[in-house]
PDB file of all heavy atoms in Angstrom:
ATOM      1  N   LYS A   1      21.138  10.274   1.625  1.00  0.00           N
ATOM      2  CA  LYS A   1      21.131  10.629   3.040  1.00  0.00           C
ATOM      3  C   LYS A   1      20.623   9.455   3.859  1.00  0.00           C
ATOM      4  O   LYS A   1      19.848   8.630   3.375  1.00  0.00           O
ATOM      5  CB  LYS A   1      20.259  11.862   3.276  1.00  0.00           C
ATOM      6  CG  LYS A   1      20.733  13.105   2.534  1.00  0.00           C
ATOM      7  CD  LYS A   1      19.792  14.274   2.734  1.00  0.00           C
ATOM      8  CE  LYS A   1      20.237  15.492   1.954  1.00  0.00           C
ATOM      9  NZ  LYS A   1      19.297  16.643   2.130  1.00  0.00           N
ATOM     10  N   PHE A   2      21.060   9.415   5.115  1.00  0.00           N
ATOM     11  CA  PHE A   2      20.701   8.290   5.985  1.00  0.00           C
ATOM     12  C   PHE A   2      20.491   8.815   7.399  1.00  0.00           C
ATOM     13  O   PHE A   2      21.293   9.598   7.917  1.00  0.00           O
ATOM     14  CB  PHE A   2      21.823   7.250   5.952  1.00  0.00           C
ATOM     15  CG  PHE A   2      21.503   5.984   6.694  1.00  0.00           C
ATOM     16  CD1 PHE A   2      20.564   5.095   6.210  1.00  0.00           C
ATOM     17  CD2 PHE A   2      22.147   5.689   7.894  1.00  0.00           C
ATOM     18  CE1 PHE A   2      20.274   3.926   6.892  1.00  0.00           C
ATOM     19  CE2 PHE A   2      21.862   4.528   8.580  1.00  0.00           C
ATOM     20  CZ  PHE A   2      20.917   3.641   8.081  1.00  0.00           C
ATOM     21  N   TRP A   3      19.377   8.372   8.015  1.00  0.00           N
ATOM     22  CA  TRP A   3      19.018   8.842   9.349  1.00  0.00           C
ATOM     23  C   TRP A   3      19.083   7.739  10.403  1.00  0.00           C
ATOM     24  O   TRP A   3      18.884   8.009  11.575  1.00  0.00           O
ATOM     25  CB  TRP A   3      17.595   9.402   9.344  1.00  0.00           C
ATOM     26  CG  TRP A   3      17.447  10.758   8.741  1.00  0.00           C
ATOM     27  CD1 TRP A   3      17.371  11.959   9.403  1.00  0.00           C
ATOM     28  CD2 TRP A   3      17.325  11.080   7.353  1.00  0.00           C
ATOM     29  NE1 TRP A   3      17.219  12.994   8.516  1.00  0.00           N
ATOM     30  CE2 TRP A   3      17.178  12.485   7.251  1.00  0.00           C
ATOM     31  CE3 TRP A   3      17.322  10.316   6.181  1.00  0.00           C
ATOM     32  CZ2 TRP A   3      17.053  13.136   6.020  1.00  0.00           C
ATOM     33  CZ3 TRP A   3      17.196  10.957   4.960  1.00  0.00           C
ATOM     34  CH2 TRP A   3      17.063  12.348   4.888  1.00  0.00           C
ATOM     35  N   GLY A   4      19.296   6.517  10.000  1.00  0.00           N
ATOM     36  CA  GLY A   4      19.251   5.406  10.935  1.00  0.00           C
ATOM     37  C   GLY A   4      17.937   4.648  10.840  1.00  0.00           C
ATOM     38  O   GLY A   4      17.138   4.858   9.916  1.00  0.00           O
ATOM     39  N   MET A   5      17.693   3.735  11.813  1.00  0.00           N
ATOM     40  CA  MET A   5      16.503   2.895  11.807  1.00  0.00           C
ATOM     41  C   MET A   5      15.492   3.367  12.840  1.00  0.00           C
ATOM     42  O   MET A   5      15.854   3.762  13.954  1.00  0.00           O
ATOM     43  CB  MET A   5      16.877   1.439  12.083  1.00  0.00           C
ATOM     44  CG  MET A   5      17.267   0.661  10.835  1.00  0.00           C
ATOM     45  SD  MET A   5      18.911   1.104  10.191  1.00  0.00           S
ATOM     46  CE  MET A   5      19.983   0.357  11.409  1.00  0.00           C
ATOM     47  N   GLY A   6      14.218   3.281  12.465  1.00  0.00           N
ATOM     48  CA  GLY A   6      13.151   3.631  13.381  1.00  0.00           C
ATOM     49  C   GLY A   6      12.529   4.983  13.079  1.00  0.00           C
ATOM     50  O   GLY A   6      13.171   5.875  12.508  1.00  0.00           O
ATOM     51  N   TYR A   7      11.267   5.126  13.489  1.00  0.00           N
ATOM     52  CA  TYR A   7      10.547   6.383  13.251  1.00  0.00           C
ATOM     53  C   TYR A   7      11.229   7.548  13.947  1.00  0.00           C
ATOM     54  O   TYR A   7      11.409   8.623  13.359  1.00  0.00           O
ATOM     55  CB  TYR A   7       9.099   6.252  13.738  1.00  0.00           C
ATOM     56  CG  TYR A   7       8.324   7.542  13.650  1.00  0.00           C
ATOM     57  CD1 TYR A   7       7.608   7.864  12.496  1.00  0.00           C
ATOM     58  CD2 TYR A   7       8.312   8.447  14.717  1.00  0.00           C
ATOM     59  CE1 TYR A   7       6.904   9.058  12.407  1.00  0.00           C
ATOM     60  CE2 TYR A   7       7.605   9.641  14.627  1.00  0.00           C
ATOM     61  CZ  TYR A   7       6.913   9.944  13.476  1.00  0.00           C
ATOM     62  OH  TYR A   7       6.228  11.127  13.390  1.00  0.00           O
ATOM     63  N   ASP A   8      11.596   7.375  15.207  1.00  0.00           N
ATOM     64  CA  ASP A   8      12.180   8.475  15.972  1.00  0.00           C
ATOM     65  C   ASP A   8      13.491   8.952  15.377  1.00  0.00           C
ATOM     66  O   ASP A   8      13.779  10.157  15.378  1.00  0.00           O
ATOM     67  CB  ASP A   8      12.382   8.045  17.425  1.00  0.00           C
ATOM     68  CG  ASP A   8      11.065   7.833  18.163  1.00  0.00           C
ATOM     69  OD1 ASP A   8      10.077   8.518  17.805  1.00  0.00           O
ATOM     70  OD2 ASP A   8      11.009   6.990  19.076  1.00  0.00           O
ATOM     71  N   MET A   9      14.298   8.043  14.853  1.00  0.00           N
ATOM     72  CA  MET A   9      15.562   8.429  14.238  1.00  0.00           C
ATOM     73  C   MET A   9      15.308   9.260  12.976  1.00  0.00           C
ATOM     74  O   MET A   9      15.959  10.282  12.742  1.00  0.00           O
ATOM     75  CB  MET A   9      16.380   7.189  13.897  1.00  0.00           C
ATOM     76  CG  MET A   9      16.815   6.377  15.105  1.00  0.00           C
ATOM     77  SD  MET A   9      17.966   7.265  16.178  1.00  0.00           S
ATOM     78  CE  MET A   9      19.442   7.275  15.153  1.00  0.00           C
ATOM     79  N   GLY A  10      14.356   8.841  12.169  1.00  0.00           N
ATOM     80  CA  GLY A  10      14.047   9.576  10.951  1.00  0.00           C
ATOM     81  C   GLY A  10      13.384  10.913  11.214  1.00  0.00           C
ATOM     82  O   GLY A  10      13.530  11.843  10.415  1.00  0.00           O
ATOM     83  N   ASP A  11      12.685  11.018  12.304  1.00  0.00           N
ATOM     84  CA  ASP A  11      11.976  12.250  12.626  1.00  0.00           C
ATOM     85  C   ASP A  11      12.897  13.310  13.223  1.00  0.00           C
ATOM     86  O   ASP A  11      12.501  14.469  13.342  1.00  0.00           O
ATOM     87  CB  ASP A  11      10.843  11.939  13.606  1.00  0.00           C
ATOM     88  CG  ASP A  11       9.701  12.946  13.507  1.00  0.00           C
ATOM     89  OD1 ASP A  11       9.309  13.283  12.374  1.00  0.00           O
ATOM     90  OD2 ASP A  11       9.210  13.389  14.560  1.00  0.00           O
ATOM     91  N   ASP A  12      14.113  12.914  13.597  1.00  0.00           N
ATOM     92  CA  ASP A  12      15.086  13.832  14.186  1.00  0.00           C
ATOM     93  C   ASP A  12      16.050  14.302  13.096  1.00  0.00           C
ATOM     94  O   ASP A  12      16.896  13.544  12.623  1.00  0.00           O
ATOM     95  CB  ASP A  12      15.853  13.137  15.307  1.00  0.00           C
ATOM     96  CG  ASP A  12      16.759  14.085  16.084  1.00  0.00           C
ATOM     97  OD1 ASP A  12      16.918  15.247  15.643  1.00  0.00           O
ATOM     98  OD2 ASP A  12      17.306  13.665  17.121  1.00  0.00           O
ATOM     99  N   SER A  13      15.931  15.565  12.685  1.00  0.00           N
ATOM    100  CA  SER A  13      16.744  16.095  11.588  1.00  0.00           C
ATOM    101  C   SER A  13      18.232  16.089  11.911  1.00  0.00           C
ATOM    102  O   SER A  13      19.068  16.078  10.992  1.00  0.00           O
ATOM    103  CB  SER A  13      16.307  17.517  11.246  1.00  0.00           C
ATOM    104  OG  SER A  13      14.960  17.543  10.804  1.00  0.00           O
ATOM    105  N   SER A  14      18.588  16.082  13.191  1.00  0.00           N
ATOM    106  CA  SER A  14      20.009  16.089  13.562  1.00  0.00           C
ATOM    107  C   SER A  14      20.699  14.766  13.228  1.00  0.00           C
ATOM    108  O   SER A  14      21.931  14.696  13.228  1.00  0.00           O
ATOM    109  CB  SER A  14      20.165  16.389  15.057  1.00  0.00           C
ATOM    110  OG  SER A  14      19.601  15.345  15.849  1.00  0.00           O
ATOM    111  N   ASN A  15      19.921  13.718  12.930  1.00  0.00           N
ATOM    112  CA  ASN A  15      20.505  12.424  12.570  1.00  0.00           C
ATOM    113  C   ASN A  15      20.878  12.334  11.086  1.00  0.00           C
ATOM    114  O   ASN A  15      21.438  11.324  10.655  1.00  0.00           O
ATOM    115  CB  ASN A  15      19.528  11.292  12.896  1.00  0.00           C
ATOM    116  CG  ASN A  15      19.346  11.100  14.391  1.00  0.00           C
ATOM    117  OD1 ASN A  15      20.290  11.283  15.164  1.00  0.00           O
ATOM    118  ND2 ASN A  15      18.132  10.758  14.803  1.00  0.00           N
ATOM    119  N   GLU A  16      20.556  13.374  10.337  1.00  0.00           N
ATOM    120  CA  GLU A  16      20.840  13.328   8.898  1.00  0.00           C
ATOM    121  C   GLU A  16      22.336  13.186   8.635  1.00  0.00           C
ATOM    122  O   GLU A  16      23.150  13.943   9.159  1.00  0.00           O
ATOM    123  CB  GLU A  16      20.311  14.594   8.230  1.00  0.00           C
ATOM    124  CG  GLU A  16      20.566  14.647   6.730  1.00  0.00           C
ATOM    125  CD  GLU A  16      20.047  15.925   6.097  1.00  0.00           C
ATOM    126  OE1 GLU A  16      18.952  16.389   6.496  1.00  0.00           O
ATOM    127  OE2 GLU A  16      20.747  16.465   5.216  1.00  0.00           O
ATOM    128  N   SER A  17      22.686  12.188   7.839  1.00  0.00           N
ATOM    129  CA  SER A  17      24.075  11.957   7.460  1.00  0.00           C
ATOM    130  C   SER A  17      24.126  11.557   5.994  1.00  0.00           C
ATOM    131  O   SER A  17      23.094  11.302   5.368  1.00  0.00           O
ATOM    132  CB  SER A  17      24.703  10.863   8.339  1.00  0.00           C
ATOM    133  OG  SER A  17      24.031   9.629   8.140  1.00  0.00           O
ATOM    134  N   LYS A  18      25.325  11.479   5.455  1.00  0.00           N
ATOM    135  CA  LYS A  18      25.491  11.168   4.042  1.00  0.00           C
ATOM    136  C   LYS A  18      26.172   9.816   3.859  1.00  0.00           C
ATOM    137  O   LYS A  18      26.983   9.387   4.673  1.00  0.00           O
ATOM    138  CB  LYS A  18      26.312  12.258   3.349  1.00  0.00           C
ATOM    139  CG  LYS A  18      25.640  13.620   3.315  1.00  0.00           C
ATOM    140  CD  LYS A  18      26.509  14.638   2.598  1.00  0.00           C
ATOM    141  CE  LYS A  18      25.832  16.000   2.560  1.00  0.00           C
ATOM    142  NZ  LYS A  18      26.677  17.015   1.864  1.00  0.00           N
ATOM    143  N   MET A  19      25.819   9.176   2.755  1.00  0.00           N
ATOM    144  CA  MET A  19      26.467   7.934   2.376  1.00  0.00           C
ATOM    145  C   MET A  19      26.297   7.741   0.870  1.00  0.00           C
ATOM    146  O   MET A  19      25.443   8.390   0.248  1.00  0.00           O
ATOM    147  CB  MET A  19      25.860   6.731   3.118  1.00  0.00           C
ATOM    148  CG  MET A  19      24.420   6.420   2.724  1.00  0.00           C
ATOM    149  SD  MET A  19      23.690   5.030   3.640  1.00  0.00           S
ATOM    150  CE  MET A  19      24.768   3.704   3.176  1.00  0.00           C
ATOM    151  N   LYS A  20      27.088   6.892   0.280  1.00  0.00           N
ATOM    152  CA  LYS A  20      26.939   6.545  -1.121  1.00  0.00           C
ATOM    153  C   LYS A  20      26.436   5.107  -1.204  1.00  0.00           C
ATOM    154  O   LYS A  20      27.070   4.193  -0.675  1.00  0.00           O
ATOM    155  CB  LYS A  20      28.264   6.683  -1.870  1.00  0.00           C
ATOM    156  CG  LYS A  20      28.121   6.504  -3.377  1.00  0.00           C
ATOM    157  CD  LYS A  20      29.415   6.817  -4.112  1.00  0.00           C
ATOM    158  CE  LYS A  20      29.226   6.692  -5.614  1.00  0.00           C
ATOM    159  NZ  LYS A  20      30.484   7.013  -6.353  1.00  0.00           N
ATOM    160  N   ARG A  21      25.306   4.943  -1.854  1.00  0.00           N
ATOM    161  CA  ARG A  21      24.654   3.627  -1.916  1.00  0.00           C
ATOM    162  C   ARG A  21      24.643   3.110  -3.343  1.00  0.00           C
ATOM    163  O   ARG A  21      24.257   3.831  -4.269  1.00  0.00           O
ATOM    164  CB  ARG A  21      23.231   3.731  -1.376  1.00  0.00           C
ATOM    165  CG  ARG A  21      22.398   2.469  -1.542  1.00  0.00           C
ATOM    166  CD  ARG A  21      21.094   2.600  -0.804  1.00  0.00           C
ATOM    167  NE  ARG A  21      20.200   1.464  -1.034  1.00  0.00           N
ATOM    168  CZ  ARG A  21      19.204   1.123  -0.237  1.00  0.00           C
ATOM    169  NH1 ARG A  21      18.972   1.826   0.860  1.00  0.00           N
ATOM    170  NH2 ARG A  21      18.433   0.093  -0.516  1.00  0.00           N
ATOM    171  N   TRP A  22      25.085   1.869  -3.508  1.00  0.00           N
ATOM    172  CA  TRP A  22      25.003   1.187  -4.796  1.00  0.00           C
ATOM    173  C   TRP A  22      24.152  -0.060  -4.598  1.00  0.00           C
ATOM    174  O   TRP A  22      24.385  -0.836  -3.676  1.00  0.00           O
ATOM    175  CB  TRP A  22      26.385   0.803  -5.301  1.00  0.00           C
ATOM    176  CG  TRP A  22      26.388   0.303  -6.721  1.00  0.00           C
ATOM    177  CD1 TRP A  22      26.616   1.029  -7.843  1.00  0.00           C
ATOM    178  CD2 TRP A  22      26.150  -1.042  -7.154  1.00  0.00           C
ATOM    179  NE1 TRP A  22      26.534   0.238  -8.959  1.00  0.00           N
ATOM    180  CE2 TRP A  22      26.241  -1.050  -8.577  1.00  0.00           C
ATOM    181  CE3 TRP A  22      25.858  -2.243  -6.504  1.00  0.00           C
ATOM    182  CZ2 TRP A  22      26.060  -2.194  -9.336  1.00  0.00           C
ATOM    183  CZ3 TRP A  22      25.666  -3.387  -7.266  1.00  0.00           C
ATOM    184  CH2 TRP A  22      25.773  -3.362  -8.662  1.00  0.00           C
ATOM    185  N   GLN A  23      23.167  -0.251  -5.462  1.00  0.00           N
ATOM    186  CA  GLN A  23      22.262  -1.388  -5.296  1.00  0.00           C
ATOM    187  C   GLN A  23      21.884  -1.978  -6.640  1.00  0.00           C
ATOM    188  O   GLN A  23      21.639  -1.263  -7.617  1.00  0.00           O
ATOM    189  CB  GLN A  23      20.988  -0.977  -4.550  1.00  0.00           C
ATOM    190  CG  GLN A  23      19.990  -2.120  -4.367  1.00  0.00           C
ATOM    191  CD  GLN A  23      18.866  -1.781  -3.415  1.00  0.00           C
ATOM    192  OE1 GLN A  23      18.872  -0.730  -2.791  1.00  0.00           O
ATOM    193  NE2 GLN A  23      17.896  -2.673  -3.298  1.00  0.00           N
ATOM    194  N   ALA A  24      21.831  -3.304  -6.673  1.00  0.00           N
ATOM    195  CA  ALA A  24      21.300  -4.052  -7.815  1.00  0.00           C
ATOM    196  C   ALA A  24      20.159  -4.917  -7.297  1.00  0.00           C
ATOM    197  O   ALA A  24      20.283  -5.573  -6.253  1.00  0.00           O
ATOM    198  CB  ALA A  24      22.377  -4.924  -8.444  1.00  0.00           C
ATOM    199  N   GLN A  25      19.045  -4.913  -7.996  1.00  0.00           N
ATOM    200  CA  GLN A  25      17.878  -5.671  -7.554  1.00  0.00           C
ATOM    201  C   GLN A  25      17.216  -6.374  -8.730  1.00  0.00           C
ATOM    202  O   GLN A  25      17.133  -5.816  -9.829  1.00  0.00           O
ATOM    203  CB  GLN A  25      16.860  -4.758  -6.871  1.00  0.00           C
ATOM    204  CG  GLN A  25      15.645  -5.518  -6.313  1.00  0.00           C
ATOM    205  CD  GLN A  25      14.612  -4.595  -5.696  1.00  0.00           C
ATOM    206  OE1 GLN A  25      13.923  -3.859  -6.392  1.00  0.00           O
ATOM    207  NE2 GLN A  25      14.505  -4.631  -4.370  1.00  0.00           N
ATOM    208  N   MET A  26      16.771  -7.574  -8.470  1.00  0.00           N
ATOM    209  CA  MET A  26      16.015  -8.341  -9.452  1.00  0.00           C
ATOM    210  C   MET A  26      14.864  -9.032  -8.739  1.00  0.00           C
ATOM    211  O   MET A  26      15.034  -9.595  -7.662  1.00  0.00           O
ATOM    212  CB  MET A  26      16.903  -9.389 -10.131  1.00  0.00           C
ATOM    213  CG  MET A  26      16.207 -10.195 -11.234  1.00  0.00           C
ATOM    214  SD  MET A  26      15.219 -11.610 -10.638  1.00  0.00           S
ATOM    215  CE  MET A  26      16.494 -12.695  -9.989  1.00  0.00           C
ATOM    216  N   GLU A  27      13.687  -8.957  -9.334  1.00  0.00           N
ATOM    217  CA  GLU A  27      12.526  -9.667  -8.792  1.00  0.00           C
ATOM    218  C   GLU A  27      11.666 -10.138  -9.952  1.00  0.00           C
ATOM    219  O   GLU A  27      11.420  -9.396 -10.907  1.00  0.00           O
ATOM    220  CB  GLU A  27      11.709  -8.766  -7.867  1.00  0.00           C
ATOM    221  CG  GLU A  27      10.519  -9.481  -7.227  1.00  0.00           C
ATOM    222  CD  GLU A  27       9.787  -8.628  -6.215  1.00  0.00           C
ATOM    223  OE1 GLU A  27      10.421  -8.273  -5.196  1.00  0.00           O
ATOM    224  OE2 GLU A  27       8.605  -8.297  -6.439  1.00  0.00           O
ATOM    225  N   GLY A  28      11.240 -11.378  -9.879  1.00  0.00           N
ATOM    226  CA  GLY A  28      10.414 -11.928 -10.938  1.00  0.00           C
ATOM    227  C   GLY A  28       9.460 -12.976 -10.405  1.00  0.00           C
ATOM    228  O   GLY A  28       9.706 -13.607  -9.374  1.00  0.00           O
ATOM    229  N   SER A  29       8.344 -13.143 -11.102  1.00  0.00           N
ATOM    230  CA  SER A  29       7.362 -14.156 -10.729  1.00  0.00           C
ATOM    231  C   SER A  29       6.763 -14.758 -11.988  1.00  0.00           C
ATOM    232  O   SER A  29       6.656 -14.087 -13.030  1.00  0.00           O
ATOM    233  CB  SER A  29       6.254 -13.559  -9.849  1.00  0.00           C
ATOM    234  OG  SER A  29       5.545 -12.548 -10.548  1.00  0.00           O
ATOM    235  N   PHE A  30       6.372 -16.030 -11.898  1.00  0.00           N
ATOM    236  CA  PHE A  30       5.701 -16.724 -12.993  1.00  0.00           C
ATOM    237  C   PHE A  30       4.418 -17.319 -12.419  1.00  0.00           C
ATOM    238  O   PHE A  30       4.461 -18.211 -11.560  1.00  0.00           O
ATOM    239  CB  PHE A  30       6.582 -17.819 -13.580  1.00  0.00           C
ATOM    240  CG  PHE A  30       6.031 -18.412 -14.852  1.00  0.00           C
ATOM    241  CD1 PHE A  30       6.316 -17.832 -16.072  1.00  0.00           C
ATOM    242  CD2 PHE A  30       5.203 -19.524 -14.818  1.00  0.00           C
ATOM    243  CE1 PHE A  30       5.810 -18.364 -17.252  1.00  0.00           C
ATOM    244  CE2 PHE A  30       4.681 -20.064 -15.979  1.00  0.00           C
ATOM    245  CZ  PHE A  30       4.984 -19.482 -17.205  1.00  0.00           C
ATOM    246  N   LEU A  31       3.284 -16.799 -12.874  1.00  0.00           N
ATOM    247  CA  LEU A  31       2.003 -17.141 -12.263  1.00  0.00           C
ATOM    248  C   LEU A  31       1.138 -17.975 -13.200  1.00  0.00           C
ATOM    249  O   LEU A  31       1.138 -17.777 -14.420  1.00  0.00           O
ATOM    250  CB  LEU A  31       1.260 -15.859 -11.884  1.00  0.00           C
ATOM    251  CG  LEU A  31       2.042 -14.857 -11.018  1.00  0.00           C
ATOM    252  CD1 LEU A  31       1.185 -13.639 -10.725  1.00  0.00           C
ATOM    253  CD2 LEU A  31       2.541 -15.499  -9.740  1.00  0.00           C
ATOM    254  N   PHE A  32       0.370 -18.900 -12.604  1.00  0.00           N
ATOM    255  CA  PHE A  32      -0.554 -19.761 -13.324  1.00  0.00           C
ATOM    256  C   PHE A  32      -1.986 -19.326 -13.016  1.00  0.00           C
ATOM    257  O   PHE A  32      -2.331 -19.096 -11.853  1.00  0.00           O
ATOM    258  CB  PHE A  32      -0.365 -21.228 -12.896  1.00  0.00           C
ATOM    259  CG  PHE A  32       1.020 -21.765 -13.139  1.00  0.00           C
ATOM    260  CD1 PHE A  32       2.046 -21.524 -12.230  1.00  0.00           C
ATOM    261  CD2 PHE A  32       1.302 -22.512 -14.274  1.00  0.00           C
ATOM    262  CE1 PHE A  32       3.324 -22.016 -12.439  1.00  0.00           C
ATOM    263  CE2 PHE A  32       2.572 -23.014 -14.491  1.00  0.00           C
ATOM    264  CZ  PHE A  32       3.589 -22.761 -13.575  1.00  0.00           C
ATOM    265  N   ARG A  33      -2.797 -19.228 -14.038  1.00  0.00           N
ATOM    266  CA  ARG A  33      -4.195 -18.847 -13.828  1.00  0.00           C
ATOM    267  C   ARG A  33      -5.003 -20.046 -13.384  1.00  0.00           C
ATOM    268  O   ARG A  33      -5.077 -21.056 -14.091  1.00  0.00           O
ATOM    269  CB  ARG A  33      -4.787 -18.260 -15.110  1.00  0.00           C
ATOM    270  CG  ARG A  33      -6.173 -17.647 -14.901  1.00  0.00           C
ATOM    271  CD  ARG A  33      -6.743 -17.104 -16.182  1.00  0.00           C
ATOM    272  NE  ARG A  33      -7.058 -18.184 -17.122  1.00  0.00           N
ATOM    273  CZ  ARG A  33      -7.499 -17.989 -18.359  1.00  0.00           C
ATOM    274  NH1 ARG A  33      -7.655 -16.754 -18.813  1.00  0.00           N
ATOM    275  NH2 ARG A  33      -7.749 -19.014 -19.148  1.00  0.00           N
ATOM    276  N   LEU A  34      -5.601 -19.961 -12.199  1.00  0.00           N
ATOM    277  CA  LEU A  34      -6.440 -21.024 -11.664  1.00  0.00           C
ATOM    278  C   LEU A  34      -7.917 -20.779 -11.950  1.00  0.00           C
ATOM    279  O   LEU A  34      -8.700 -21.725 -12.033  1.00  0.00           O
ATOM    280  CB  LEU A  34      -6.222 -21.171 -10.160  1.00  0.00           C
ATOM    281  CG  LEU A  34      -4.780 -21.468  -9.711  1.00  0.00           C
ATOM    282  CD1 LEU A  34      -4.733 -21.668  -8.205  1.00  0.00           C
ATOM    283  CD2 LEU A  34      -4.215 -22.696 -10.433  1.00  0.00           C
TER     284      LEU A  34
END
């Protein structure tokens, strides 16, 4: 479901709509101890 951007848009139930979302995500870090 998708309501749009912003607090007011999400707080208004009449903005509820449907969509199909596909997402791929990658995140990595390599840290050195100081």
